[in-house]
Amino acid sequence: MVTALKVIFSGLLVWMCYVVISTSLHSNLFEQWNFLGGIAWMRATLWDFYANVTVIFVWVCYKEKSIGLKILWLLLLVCLGSIASCAYVLIQLFRLKPGEGLREFFSKQNG
């Protein structure tokens, strides 16, 4: 299961990097911000995004002991979204020792 998750989250990370980079090359978010902010579904998507960031950040706060790492991951999650989420999950998956599984993935705190 851990290996499958590594493959899935690696694929998601690569895909999201591709989507963000290719979109950025074709469209400047800051030039279109006023237009996008006027779209109800865009506002709903942003609220949804920040709700998800909050959920993931609560897990990060549990996993990480260092206040500096907590703040760093909050900034990365807010600025990079799913790219940072996938990276954090992958880091946690690769930190697992042989024989550890999802129980340790979710519950084991970082030292």
PDB file of N, CA and C in Angstrom:
ATOM      1  N   MET A   1       0.809  -1.192   0.000  1.00  0.00           N
ATOM      2  CA  MET A   1       0.000   0.000   0.000  1.00  0.00           C
ATOM      3  C   MET A   1       0.861   1.269   0.000  1.00  0.00           C
ATOM      4  N   VAL A   2       1.929   1.269   0.787  1.00  0.00           N
ATOM      5  CA  VAL A   2       2.797   2.449   0.860  1.00  0.00           C
ATOM      6  C   VAL A   2       3.435   2.730  -0.499  1.00  0.00           C
ATOM      7  N   THR A   3       3.874   1.684  -1.174  1.00  0.00           N
ATOM      8  CA  THR A   3       4.477   1.860  -2.504  1.00  0.00           C
ATOM      9  C   THR A   3       3.473   2.438  -3.485  1.00  0.00           C
ATOM     10  N   ALA A   4       2.247   1.947  -3.453  1.00  0.00           N
ATOM     11  CA  ALA A   4       1.197   2.468  -4.336  1.00  0.00           C
ATOM     12  C   ALA A   4       0.946   3.948  -4.049  1.00  0.00           C
ATOM     13  N   LEU A   5       0.919   4.318  -2.780  1.00  0.00           N
ATOM     14  CA  LEU A   5       0.720   5.721  -2.422  1.00  0.00           C
ATOM     15  C   LEU A   5       1.878   6.594  -2.896  1.00  0.00           C
ATOM     16  N   LYS A   6       3.088   6.078  -2.824  1.00  0.00           N
ATOM     17  CA  LYS A   6       4.248   6.825  -3.323  1.00  0.00           C
ATOM     18  C   LYS A   6       4.102   7.091  -4.818  1.00  0.00           C
ATOM     19  N   VAL A   7       3.660   6.084  -5.550  1.00  0.00           N
ATOM     20  CA  VAL A   7       3.471   6.238  -6.998  1.00  0.00           C
ATOM     21  C   VAL A   7       2.355   7.240  -7.283  1.00  0.00           C
ATOM     22  N   ILE A   8       1.244   7.097  -6.587  1.00  0.00           N
ATOM     23  CA  ILE A   8       0.095   7.984  -6.809  1.00  0.00           C
ATOM     24  C   ILE A   8       0.463   9.437  -6.504  1.00  0.00           C
ATOM     25  N   PHE A   9       1.059   9.685  -5.330  1.00  0.00           N
ATOM     26  CA  PHE A   9       1.375  11.064  -4.964  1.00  0.00           C
ATOM     27  C   PHE A   9       2.526  11.636  -5.788  1.00  0.00           C
ATOM     28  N   SER A  10       3.430  10.793  -6.253  1.00  0.00           N
ATOM     29  CA  SER A  10       4.473  11.269  -7.178  1.00  0.00           C
ATOM     30  C   SER A  10       3.838  11.703  -8.489  1.00  0.00           C
ATOM     31  N   GLY A  11       2.924  10.906  -8.981  1.00  0.00           N
ATOM     32  CA  GLY A  11       2.213  11.257 -10.210  1.00  0.00           C
ATOM     33  C   GLY A  11       1.422  12.546 -10.057  1.00  0.00           C
ATOM     34  N   LEU A  12       0.719  12.686  -8.943  1.00  0.00           N
ATOM     35  CA  LEU A  12      -0.036  13.918  -8.694  1.00  0.00           C
ATOM     36  C   LEU A  12       0.886  15.129  -8.607  1.00  0.00           C
ATOM     37  N   LEU A  13       2.014  14.971  -7.942  1.00  0.00           N
ATOM     38  CA  LEU A  13       2.968  16.075  -7.818  1.00  0.00           C
ATOM     39  C   LEU A  13       3.477  16.510  -9.196  1.00  0.00           C
ATOM     40  N   VAL A  14       3.887  15.560 -10.003  1.00  0.00           N
ATOM     41  CA  VAL A  14       4.384  15.881 -11.348  1.00  0.00           C
ATOM     42  C   VAL A  14       3.277  16.517 -12.172  1.00  0.00           C
ATOM     43  N   TRP A  15       2.075  15.962 -12.114  1.00  0.00           N
ATOM     44  CA  TRP A  15       0.941  16.490 -12.889  1.00  0.00           C
ATOM     45  C   TRP A  15       0.624  17.928 -12.472  1.00  0.00           C
ATOM     46  N   MET A  16       0.558  18.197 -11.180  1.00  0.00           N
ATOM     47  CA  MET A  16       0.214  19.540 -10.722  1.00  0.00           C
ATOM     48  C   MET A  16       1.319  20.539 -11.069  1.00  0.00           C
ATOM     49  N   CYS A  17       2.571  20.124 -10.992  1.00  0.00           N
ATOM     50  CA  CYS A  17       3.658  21.010 -11.435  1.00  0.00           C
ATOM     51  C   CYS A  17       3.497  21.350 -12.907  1.00  0.00           C
ATOM     52  N   TYR A  18       3.191  20.346 -13.721  1.00  0.00           N
ATOM     53  CA  TYR A  18       2.971  20.574 -15.152  1.00  0.00           C
ATOM     54  C   TYR A  18       1.799  21.527 -15.389  1.00  0.00           C
ATOM     55  N   VAL A  19       0.677  21.287 -14.713  1.00  0.00           N
ATOM     56  CA  VAL A  19      -0.515  22.118 -14.906  1.00  0.00           C
ATOM     57  C   VAL A  19      -0.239  23.564 -14.506  1.00  0.00           C
ATOM     58  N   VAL A  20       0.394  23.761 -13.359  1.00  0.00           N
ATOM     59  CA  VAL A  20       0.664  25.118 -12.881  1.00  0.00           C
ATOM     60  C   VAL A  20       1.663  25.832 -13.787  1.00  0.00           C
ATOM     61  N   ILE A  21       2.721  25.152 -14.172  1.00  0.00           N
ATOM     62  CA  ILE A  21       3.725  25.790 -15.024  1.00  0.00           C
ATOM     63  C   ILE A  21       3.153  26.100 -16.405  1.00  0.00           C
ATOM     64  N   SER A  22       2.480  25.137 -17.030  1.00  0.00           N
ATOM     65  CA  SER A  22       1.938  25.385 -18.374  1.00  0.00           C
ATOM     66  C   SER A  22       0.858  26.461 -18.345  1.00  0.00           C
ATOM     67  N   THR A  23       0.038  26.480 -17.306  1.00  0.00           N
ATOM     68  CA  THR A  23      -0.984  27.523 -17.193  1.00  0.00           C
ATOM     69  C   THR A  23      -0.333  28.888 -16.983  1.00  0.00           C
ATOM     70  N   SER A  24       0.693  28.937 -16.159  1.00  0.00           N
ATOM     71  CA  SER A  24       1.395  30.198 -15.894  1.00  0.00           C
ATOM     72  C   SER A  24       2.049  30.761 -17.150  1.00  0.00           C
ATOM     73  N   LEU A  25       2.503  29.893 -18.027  1.00  0.00           N
ATOM     74  CA  LEU A  25       3.122  30.345 -19.274  1.00  0.00           C
ATOM     75  C   LEU A  25       2.108  30.945 -20.238  1.00  0.00           C
ATOM     76  N   HIS A  26       0.835  30.546 -20.109  1.00  0.00           N
ATOM     77  CA  HIS A  26      -0.204  31.010 -21.029  1.00  0.00           C
ATOM     78  C   HIS A  26      -1.104  32.091 -20.440  1.00  0.00           C
ATOM     79  N   SER A  27      -1.108  32.212 -19.120  1.00  0.00           N
ATOM     80  CA  SER A  27      -2.047  33.129 -18.493  1.00  0.00           C
ATOM     81  C   SER A  27      -1.462  33.662 -17.192  1.00  0.00           C
ATOM     82  N   ASN A  28      -1.499  34.982 -17.033  1.00  0.00           N
ATOM     83  CA  ASN A  28      -0.982  35.620 -15.827  1.00  0.00           C
ATOM     84  C   ASN A  28      -2.132  35.790 -14.832  1.00  0.00           C
ATOM     85  N   LEU A  29      -2.066  35.072 -13.731  1.00  0.00           N
ATOM     86  CA  LEU A  29      -3.117  35.123 -12.714  1.00  0.00           C
ATOM     87  C   LEU A  29      -3.332  36.537 -12.201  1.00  0.00           C
ATOM     88  N   PHE A  30      -2.266  37.289 -11.995  1.00  0.00           N
ATOM     89  CA  PHE A  30      -2.383  38.619 -11.417  1.00  0.00           C
ATOM     90  C   PHE A  30      -3.046  39.606 -12.371  1.00  0.00           C
ATOM     91  N   GLU A  31      -2.902  39.402 -13.663  1.00  0.00           N
ATOM     92  CA  GLU A  31      -3.580  40.265 -14.638  1.00  0.00           C
ATOM     93  C   GLU A  31      -5.073  39.960 -14.704  1.00  0.00           C
ATOM     94  N   GLN A  32      -5.455  38.735 -14.381  1.00  0.00           N
ATOM     95  CA  GLN A  32      -6.852  38.323 -14.491  1.00  0.00           C
ATOM     96  C   GLN A  32      -7.569  38.243 -13.146  1.00  0.00           C
ATOM     97  N   TRP A  33      -6.899  38.664 -12.071  1.00  0.00           N
ATOM     98  CA  TRP A  33      -7.440  38.486 -10.727  1.00  0.00           C
ATOM     99  C   TRP A  33      -8.808  39.154 -10.544  1.00  0.00           C
ATOM    100  N   ASN A  34      -8.974  40.390 -10.995  1.00  0.00           N
ATOM    101  CA  ASN A  34     -10.250  41.088 -10.821  1.00  0.00           C
ATOM    102  C   ASN A  34     -11.377  40.366 -11.551  1.00  0.00           C
ATOM    103  N   PHE A  35     -11.108  39.908 -12.742  1.00  0.00           N
ATOM    104  CA  PHE A  35     -12.118  39.162 -13.497  1.00  0.00           C
ATOM    105  C   PHE A  35     -12.463  37.858 -12.783  1.00  0.00           C
ATOM    106  N   LEU A  36     -11.431  37.110 -12.392  1.00  0.00           N
ATOM    107  CA  LEU A  36     -11.657  35.818 -11.746  1.00  0.00           C
ATOM    108  C   LEU A  36     -12.372  35.974 -10.408  1.00  0.00           C
ATOM    109  N   GLY A  37     -12.050  37.028  -9.659  1.00  0.00           N
ATOM    110  CA  GLY A  37     -12.696  37.273  -8.378  1.00  0.00           C
ATOM    111  C   GLY A  37     -14.183  37.547  -8.507  1.00  0.00           C
ATOM    112  N   GLY A  38     -14.627  37.943  -9.692  1.00  0.00           N
ATOM    113  CA  GLY A  38     -16.044  38.218  -9.934  1.00  0.00           C
ATOM    114  C   GLY A  38     -16.853  36.972 -10.259  1.00  0.00           C
ATOM    115  N   ILE A  39     -16.184  35.845 -10.423  1.00  0.00           N
ATOM    116  CA  ILE A  39     -16.871  34.598 -10.754  1.00  0.00           C
ATOM    117  C   ILE A  39     -17.195  33.860  -9.453  1.00  0.00           C
ATOM    118  N   ALA A  40     -18.471  33.586  -9.234  1.00  0.00           N
ATOM    119  CA  ALA A  40     -18.907  32.949  -7.981  1.00  0.00           C
ATOM    120  C   ALA A  40     -18.192  31.620  -7.737  1.00  0.00           C
ATOM    121  N   TRP A  41     -18.024  30.811  -8.781  1.00  0.00           N
ATOM    122  CA  TRP A  41     -17.373  29.512  -8.609  1.00  0.00           C
ATOM    123  C   TRP A  41     -15.893  29.663  -8.287  1.00  0.00           C
ATOM    124  N   MET A  42     -15.281  30.712  -8.738  1.00  0.00           N
ATOM    125  CA  MET A  42     -13.879  30.955  -8.386  1.00  0.00           C
ATOM    126  C   MET A  42     -13.773  31.279  -6.903  1.00  0.00           C
ATOM    127  N   ARG A  43     -14.675  32.105  -6.398  1.00  0.00           N
ATOM    128  CA  ARG A  43     -14.678  32.417  -4.970  1.00  0.00           C
ATOM    129  C   ARG A  43     -14.937  31.158  -4.148  1.00  0.00           C
ATOM    130  N   ALA A  44     -15.883  30.329  -4.588  1.00  0.00           N
ATOM    131  CA  ALA A  44     -16.173  29.078  -3.882  1.00  0.00           C
ATOM    132  C   ALA A  44     -14.962  28.147  -3.911  1.00  0.00           C
ATOM    133  N   THR A  45     -14.267  28.107  -5.024  1.00  0.00           N
ATOM    134  CA  THR A  45     -13.074  27.271  -5.144  1.00  0.00           C
ATOM    135  C   THR A  45     -11.977  27.748  -4.192  1.00  0.00           C
ATOM    136  N   LEU A  46     -11.818  29.048  -4.055  1.00  0.00           N
ATOM    137  CA  LEU A  46     -10.815  29.574  -3.130  1.00  0.00           C
ATOM    138  C   LEU A  46     -11.175  29.240  -1.684  1.00  0.00           C
ATOM    139  N   TRP A  47     -12.441  29.372  -1.316  1.00  0.00           N
ATOM    140  CA  TRP A  47     -12.864  28.990   0.030  1.00  0.00           C
ATOM    141  C   TRP A  47     -12.620  27.505   0.261  1.00  0.00           C
ATOM    142  N   ASP A  48     -12.923  26.697  -0.728  1.00  0.00           N
ATOM    143  CA  ASP A  48     -12.686  25.259  -0.641  1.00  0.00           C
ATOM    144  C   ASP A  48     -11.197  24.970  -0.467  1.00  0.00           C
ATOM    145  N   PHE A  49     -10.374  25.672  -1.235  1.00  0.00           N
ATOM    146  CA  PHE A  49      -8.925  25.501  -1.160  1.00  0.00           C
ATOM    147  C   PHE A  49      -8.415  25.799   0.251  1.00  0.00           C
ATOM    148  N   TYR A  50      -8.827  26.929   0.806  1.00  0.00           N
ATOM    149  CA  TYR A  50      -8.333  27.300   2.125  1.00  0.00           C
ATOM    150  C   TYR A  50      -8.884  26.403   3.229  1.00  0.00           C
ATOM    151  N   ALA A  51     -10.083  25.865   3.048  1.00  0.00           N
ATOM    152  CA  ALA A  51     -10.595  24.880   4.006  1.00  0.00           C
ATOM    153  C   ALA A  51      -9.721  23.629   3.979  1.00  0.00           C
ATOM    154  N   ASN A  52      -9.341  23.194   2.785  1.00  0.00           N
ATOM    155  CA  ASN A  52      -8.452  22.031   2.657  1.00  0.00           C
ATOM    156  C   ASN A  52      -7.071  22.316   3.223  1.00  0.00           C
ATOM    157  N   VAL A  53      -6.551  23.517   3.009  1.00  0.00           N
ATOM    158  CA  VAL A  53      -5.263  23.890   3.580  1.00  0.00           C
ATOM    159  C   VAL A  53      -5.334  23.791   5.104  1.00  0.00           C
ATOM    160  N   THR A  54      -6.444  24.227   5.681  1.00  0.00           N
ATOM    161  CA  THR A  54      -6.606  24.167   7.134  1.00  0.00           C
ATOM    162  C   THR A  54      -6.583  22.723   7.626  1.00  0.00           C
ATOM    163  N   VAL A  55      -7.292  21.842   6.935  1.00  0.00           N
ATOM    164  CA  VAL A  55      -7.321  20.424   7.325  1.00  0.00           C
ATOM    165  C   VAL A  55      -5.920  19.822   7.265  1.00  0.00           C
ATOM    166  N   ILE A  56      -5.221  20.059   6.185  1.00  0.00           N
ATOM    167  CA  ILE A  56      -3.883  19.502   6.023  1.00  0.00           C
ATOM    168  C   ILE A  56      -2.922  20.122   7.035  1.00  0.00           C
ATOM    169  N   PHE A  57      -3.078  21.421   7.288  1.00  0.00           N
ATOM    170  CA  PHE A  57      -2.188  22.088   8.233  1.00  0.00           C
ATOM    171  C   PHE A  57      -2.382  21.567   9.659  1.00  0.00           C
ATOM    172  N   VAL A  58      -3.597  21.206  10.029  1.00  0.00           N
ATOM    173  CA  VAL A  58      -3.821  20.609  11.356  1.00  0.00           C
ATOM    174  C   VAL A  58      -3.013  19.322  11.482  1.00  0.00           C
ATOM    175  N   TRP A  59      -2.992  18.514  10.422  1.00  0.00           N
ATOM    176  CA  TRP A  59      -2.195  17.281  10.420  1.00  0.00           C
ATOM    177  C   TRP A  59      -0.704  17.607  10.516  1.00  0.00           C
ATOM    178  N   VAL A  60      -0.268  18.615   9.757  1.00  0.00           N
ATOM    179  CA  VAL A  60       1.131  19.047   9.806  1.00  0.00           C
ATOM    180  C   VAL A  60       1.497  19.475  11.227  1.00  0.00           C
ATOM    181  N   CYS A  61       0.614  20.207  11.879  1.00  0.00           N
ATOM    182  CA  CYS A  61       0.882  20.660  13.257  1.00  0.00           C
ATOM    183  C   CYS A  61       1.023  19.475  14.204  1.00  0.00           C
ATOM    184  N   TYR A  62       0.247  18.436  13.978  1.00  0.00           N
ATOM    185  CA  TYR A  62       0.383  17.234  14.799  1.00  0.00           C
ATOM    186  C   TYR A  62       1.705  16.527  14.515  1.00  0.00           C
ATOM    187  N   LYS A  63       2.059  16.403  13.244  1.00  0.00           N
ATOM    188  CA  LYS A  63       3.240  15.633  12.847  1.00  0.00           C
ATOM    189  C   LYS A  63       4.547  16.342  13.200  1.00  0.00           C
ATOM    190  N   GLU A  64       4.593  17.645  13.026  1.00  0.00           N
ATOM    191  CA  GLU A  64       5.844  18.392  13.195  1.00  0.00           C
ATOM    192  C   GLU A  64       5.942  18.977  14.598  1.00  0.00           C
ATOM    193  N   LYS A  65       7.114  18.877  15.203  1.00  0.00           N
ATOM    194  CA  LYS A  65       7.344  19.442  16.537  1.00  0.00           C
ATOM    195  C   LYS A  65       7.878  20.874  16.449  1.00  0.00           C
ATOM    196  N   SER A  66       8.606  21.173  15.390  1.00  0.00           N
ATOM    197  CA  SER A  66       9.251  22.478  15.242  1.00  0.00           C
ATOM    198  C   SER A  66       8.254  23.539  14.771  1.00  0.00           C
ATOM    199  N   ILE A  67       8.194  24.651  15.497  1.00  0.00           N
ATOM    200  CA  ILE A  67       7.321  25.759  15.093  1.00  0.00           C
ATOM    201  C   ILE A  67       7.764  26.333  13.747  1.00  0.00           C
ATOM    202  N   GLY A  68       9.084  26.328  13.515  1.00  0.00           N
ATOM    203  CA  GLY A  68       9.600  26.818  12.238  1.00  0.00           C
ATOM    204  C   GLY A  68       9.109  25.990  11.065  1.00  0.00           C
ATOM    205  N   LEU A  69       9.124  24.660  11.215  1.00  0.00           N
ATOM    206  CA  LEU A  69       8.623  23.787  10.147  1.00  0.00           C
ATOM    207  C   LEU A  69       7.116  23.952   9.960  1.00  0.00           C
ATOM    208  N   LYS A  70       6.404  24.148  11.041  1.00  0.00           N
ATOM    209  CA  LYS A  70       4.950  24.369  10.943  1.00  0.00           C
ATOM    210  C   LYS A  70       4.655  25.624  10.131  1.00  0.00           C
ATOM    211  N   ILE A  71       5.375  26.694  10.421  1.00  0.00           N
ATOM    212  CA  ILE A  71       5.174  27.952   9.693  1.00  0.00           C
ATOM    213  C   ILE A  71       5.589  27.796   8.233  1.00  0.00           C
ATOM    214  N   LEU A  72       6.726  27.143   8.007  1.00  0.00           N
ATOM    215  CA  LEU A  72       7.184  26.916   6.626  1.00  0.00           C
ATOM    216  C   LEU A  72       6.138  26.142   5.826  1.00  0.00           C
ATOM    217  N   TRP A  73       5.622  25.055   6.402  1.00  0.00           N
ATOM    218  CA  TRP A  73       4.634  24.262   5.679  1.00  0.00           C
ATOM    219  C   TRP A  73       3.328  25.016   5.475  1.00  0.00           C
ATOM    220  N   LEU A  74       2.942  25.868   6.420  1.00  0.00           N
ATOM    221  CA  LEU A  74       1.745  26.688   6.212  1.00  0.00           C
ATOM    222  C   LEU A  74       1.940  27.602   5.010  1.00  0.00           C
ATOM    223  N   LEU A  75       3.089  28.260   4.934  1.00  0.00           N
ATOM    224  CA  LEU A  75       3.373  29.136   3.788  1.00  0.00           C
ATOM    225  C   LEU A  75       3.391  28.356   2.479  1.00  0.00           C
ATOM    226  N   LEU A  76       4.021  27.194   2.490  1.00  0.00           N
ATOM    227  CA  LEU A  76       4.081  26.378   1.277  1.00  0.00           C
ATOM    228  C   LEU A  76       2.685  25.910   0.860  1.00  0.00           C
ATOM    229  N   LEU A  77       1.880  25.499   1.823  1.00  0.00           N
ATOM    230  CA  LEU A  77       0.521  25.045   1.507  1.00  0.00           C
ATOM    231  C   LEU A  77      -0.320  26.176   0.927  1.00  0.00           C
ATOM    232  N   VAL A  78      -0.215  27.370   1.516  1.00  0.00           N
ATOM    233  CA  VAL A  78      -0.993  28.508   1.033  1.00  0.00           C
ATOM    234  C   VAL A  78      -0.519  28.942  -0.355  1.00  0.00           C
ATOM    235  N   CYS A  79       0.785  28.968  -0.563  1.00  0.00           N
ATOM    236  CA  CYS A  79       1.333  29.464  -1.829  1.00  0.00           C
ATOM    237  C   CYS A  79       1.332  28.426  -2.953  1.00  0.00           C
ATOM    238  N   LEU A  80       1.518  27.162  -2.616  1.00  0.00           N
ATOM    239  CA  LEU A  80       1.672  26.137  -3.652  1.00  0.00           C
ATOM    240  C   LEU A  80       0.517  25.134  -3.709  1.00  0.00           C
ATOM    241  N   GLY A  81      -0.367  25.161  -2.728  1.00  0.00           N
ATOM    242  CA  GLY A  81      -1.535  24.289  -2.754  1.00  0.00           C
ATOM    243  C   GLY A  81      -1.201  22.819  -2.827  1.00  0.00           C
ATOM    244  N   SER A  82      -1.775  22.146  -3.810  1.00  0.00           N
ATOM    245  CA  SER A  82      -1.628  20.695  -3.907  1.00  0.00           C
ATOM    246  C   SER A  82      -0.199  20.263  -4.205  1.00  0.00           C
ATOM    247  N   ILE A  83       0.602  21.136  -4.768  1.00  0.00           N
ATOM    248  CA  ILE A  83       2.013  20.798  -4.977  1.00  0.00           C
ATOM    249  C   ILE A  83       2.673  20.580  -3.615  1.00  0.00           C
ATOM    250  N   ALA A  84       2.442  21.496  -2.678  1.00  0.00           N
ATOM    251  CA  ALA A  84       3.006  21.349  -1.341  1.00  0.00           C
ATOM    252  C   ALA A  84       2.368  20.174  -0.600  1.00  0.00           C
ATOM    253  N   SER A  85       1.068  19.988  -0.781  1.00  0.00           N
ATOM    254  CA  SER A  85       0.382  18.857  -0.124  1.00  0.00           C
ATOM    255  C   SER A  85       0.982  17.534  -0.562  1.00  0.00           C
ATOM    256  N   CYS A  86       1.149  17.371  -1.859  1.00  0.00           N
ATOM    257  CA  CYS A  86       1.737  16.129  -2.383  1.00  0.00           C
ATOM    258  C   CYS A  86       3.171  15.955  -1.895  1.00  0.00           C
ATOM    259  N   ALA A  87       3.936  17.040  -1.877  1.00  0.00           N
ATOM    260  CA  ALA A  87       5.321  16.962  -1.408  1.00  0.00           C
ATOM    261  C   ALA A  87       5.362  16.548   0.062  1.00  0.00           C
ATOM    262  N   TYR A  88       4.488  17.127   0.878  1.00  0.00           N
ATOM    263  CA  TYR A  88       4.484  16.780   2.304  1.00  0.00           C
ATOM    264  C   TYR A  88       4.126  15.305   2.496  1.00  0.00           C
ATOM    265  N   VAL A  89       3.109  14.846   1.794  1.00  0.00           N
ATOM    266  CA  VAL A  89       2.702  13.437   1.904  1.00  0.00           C
ATOM    267  C   VAL A  89       3.836  12.528   1.456  1.00  0.00           C
ATOM    268  N   LEU A  90       4.492  12.866   0.359  1.00  0.00           N
ATOM    269  CA  LEU A  90       5.606  12.043  -0.116  1.00  0.00           C
ATOM    270  C   LEU A  90       6.747  12.002   0.898  1.00  0.00           C
ATOM    271  N   ILE A  91       7.061  13.137   1.489  1.00  0.00           N
ATOM    272  CA  ILE A  91       8.112  13.156   2.512  1.00  0.00           C
ATOM    273  C   ILE A  91       7.742  12.214   3.651  1.00  0.00           C
ATOM    274  N   GLN A  92       6.486  12.271   4.081  1.00  0.00           N
ATOM    275  CA  GLN A  92       6.049  11.401   5.181  1.00  0.00           C
ATOM    276  C   GLN A  92       6.097   9.926   4.768  1.00  0.00           C
ATOM    277  N   LEU A  93       5.722   9.628   3.531  1.00  0.00           N
ATOM    278  CA  LEU A  93       5.767   8.241   3.060  1.00  0.00           C
ATOM    279  C   LEU A  93       7.199   7.724   2.996  1.00  0.00           C
ATOM    280  N   PHE A  94       8.121   8.550   2.522  1.00  0.00           N
ATOM    281  CA  PHE A  94       9.513   8.114   2.411  1.00  0.00           C
ATOM    282  C   PHE A  94      10.212   8.050   3.765  1.00  0.00           C
ATOM    283  N   ARG A  95       9.660   8.685   4.789  1.00  0.00           N
ATOM    284  CA  ARG A  95      10.214   8.598   6.144  1.00  0.00           C
ATOM    285  C   ARG A  95       9.838   7.297   6.847  1.00  0.00           C
ATOM    286  N   LEU A  96       8.849   6.597   6.330  1.00  0.00           N
ATOM    287  CA  LEU A  96       8.438   5.350   6.967  1.00  0.00           C
ATOM    288  C   LEU A  96       9.562   4.325   6.891  1.00  0.00           C
ATOM    289  N   LYS A  97       9.711   3.586   7.957  1.00  0.00           N
ATOM    290  CA  LYS A  97      10.706   2.514   7.993  1.00  0.00           C
ATOM    291  C   LYS A  97      10.097   1.264   7.385  1.00  0.00           C
ATOM    292  N   PRO A  98      10.933   0.332   6.918  1.00  0.00           N
ATOM    293  CA  PRO A  98      10.394  -0.926   6.384  1.00  0.00           C
ATOM    294  C   PRO A  98       9.472  -1.590   7.413  1.00  0.00           C
ATOM    295  N   GLY A  99       8.335  -2.029   6.945  1.00  0.00           N
ATOM    296  CA  GLY A  99       7.367  -2.676   7.823  1.00  0.00           C
ATOM    297  C   GLY A  99       6.334  -1.724   8.395  1.00  0.00           C
ATOM    298  N   GLU A 100       6.587  -0.408   8.337  1.00  0.00           N
ATOM    299  CA  GLU A 100       5.590   0.546   8.809  1.00  0.00           C
ATOM    300  C   GLU A 100       4.556   0.774   7.714  1.00  0.00           C
ATOM    301  N   GLY A 101       3.352   1.058   8.137  1.00  0.00           N
ATOM    302  CA  GLY A 101       2.261   1.236   7.177  1.00  0.00           C
ATOM    303  C   GLY A 101       1.475   2.505   7.427  1.00  0.00           C
ATOM    304  N   LEU A 102       0.206   2.454   7.060  1.00  0.00           N
ATOM    305  CA  LEU A 102      -0.642   3.639   7.143  1.00  0.00           C
ATOM    306  C   LEU A 102      -0.866   4.107   8.574  1.00  0.00           C
ATOM    307  N   ARG A 103      -0.911   3.191   9.508  1.00  0.00           N
ATOM    308  CA  ARG A 103      -1.082   3.596  10.914  1.00  0.00           C
ATOM    309  C   ARG A 103       0.051   4.532  11.328  1.00  0.00           C
ATOM    310  N   GLU A 104       1.270   4.168  11.024  1.00  0.00           N
ATOM    311  CA  GLU A 104       2.421   5.013  11.361  1.00  0.00           C
ATOM    312  C   GLU A 104       2.446   6.274  10.503  1.00  0.00           C
ATOM    313  N   PHE A 105       2.032   6.144   9.270  1.00  0.00           N
ATOM    314  CA  PHE A 105       1.980   7.288   8.362  1.00  0.00           C
ATOM    315  C   PHE A 105       1.122   8.403   8.959  1.00  0.00           C
ATOM    316  N   PHE A 106      -0.054   8.036   9.450  1.00  0.00           N
ATOM    317  CA  PHE A 106      -0.970   9.033   9.983  1.00  0.00           C
ATOM    318  C   PHE A 106      -0.655   9.454  11.412  1.00  0.00           C
ATOM    319  N   SER A 107      -0.125   8.535  12.214  1.00  0.00           N
ATOM    320  CA  SER A 107      -0.025   8.827  13.644  1.00  0.00           C
ATOM    321  C   SER A 107       1.374   9.151  14.155  1.00  0.00           C
ATOM    322  N   LYS A 108       2.403   8.693  13.477  1.00  0.00           N
ATOM    323  CA  LYS A 108       3.777   8.868  13.966  1.00  0.00           C
ATOM    324  C   LYS A 108       4.208  10.328  13.816  1.00  0.00           C
ATOM    325  N   GLN A 109       4.684  10.913  14.916  1.00  0.00           N
ATOM    326  CA  GLN A 109       5.180  12.278  14.872  1.00  0.00           C
ATOM    327  C   GLN A 109       6.635  12.292  14.426  1.00  0.00           C
ATOM    328  N   ASN A 110       7.022  13.389  13.787  1.00  0.00           N
ATOM    329  CA  ASN A 110       8.400  13.549  13.331  1.00  0.00           C
ATOM    330  C   ASN A 110       9.267  14.021  14.491  1.00  0.00           C
ATOM    331  N   GLY A 111      10.467  13.473  14.557  1.00  0.00           N
ATOM    332  CA  GLY A 111      11.366  13.811  15.670  1.00  0.00           C
ATOM    333  C   GLY A 111      12.247  14.948  15.431  1.00  0.00           C
TER     334      GLY A 111
END
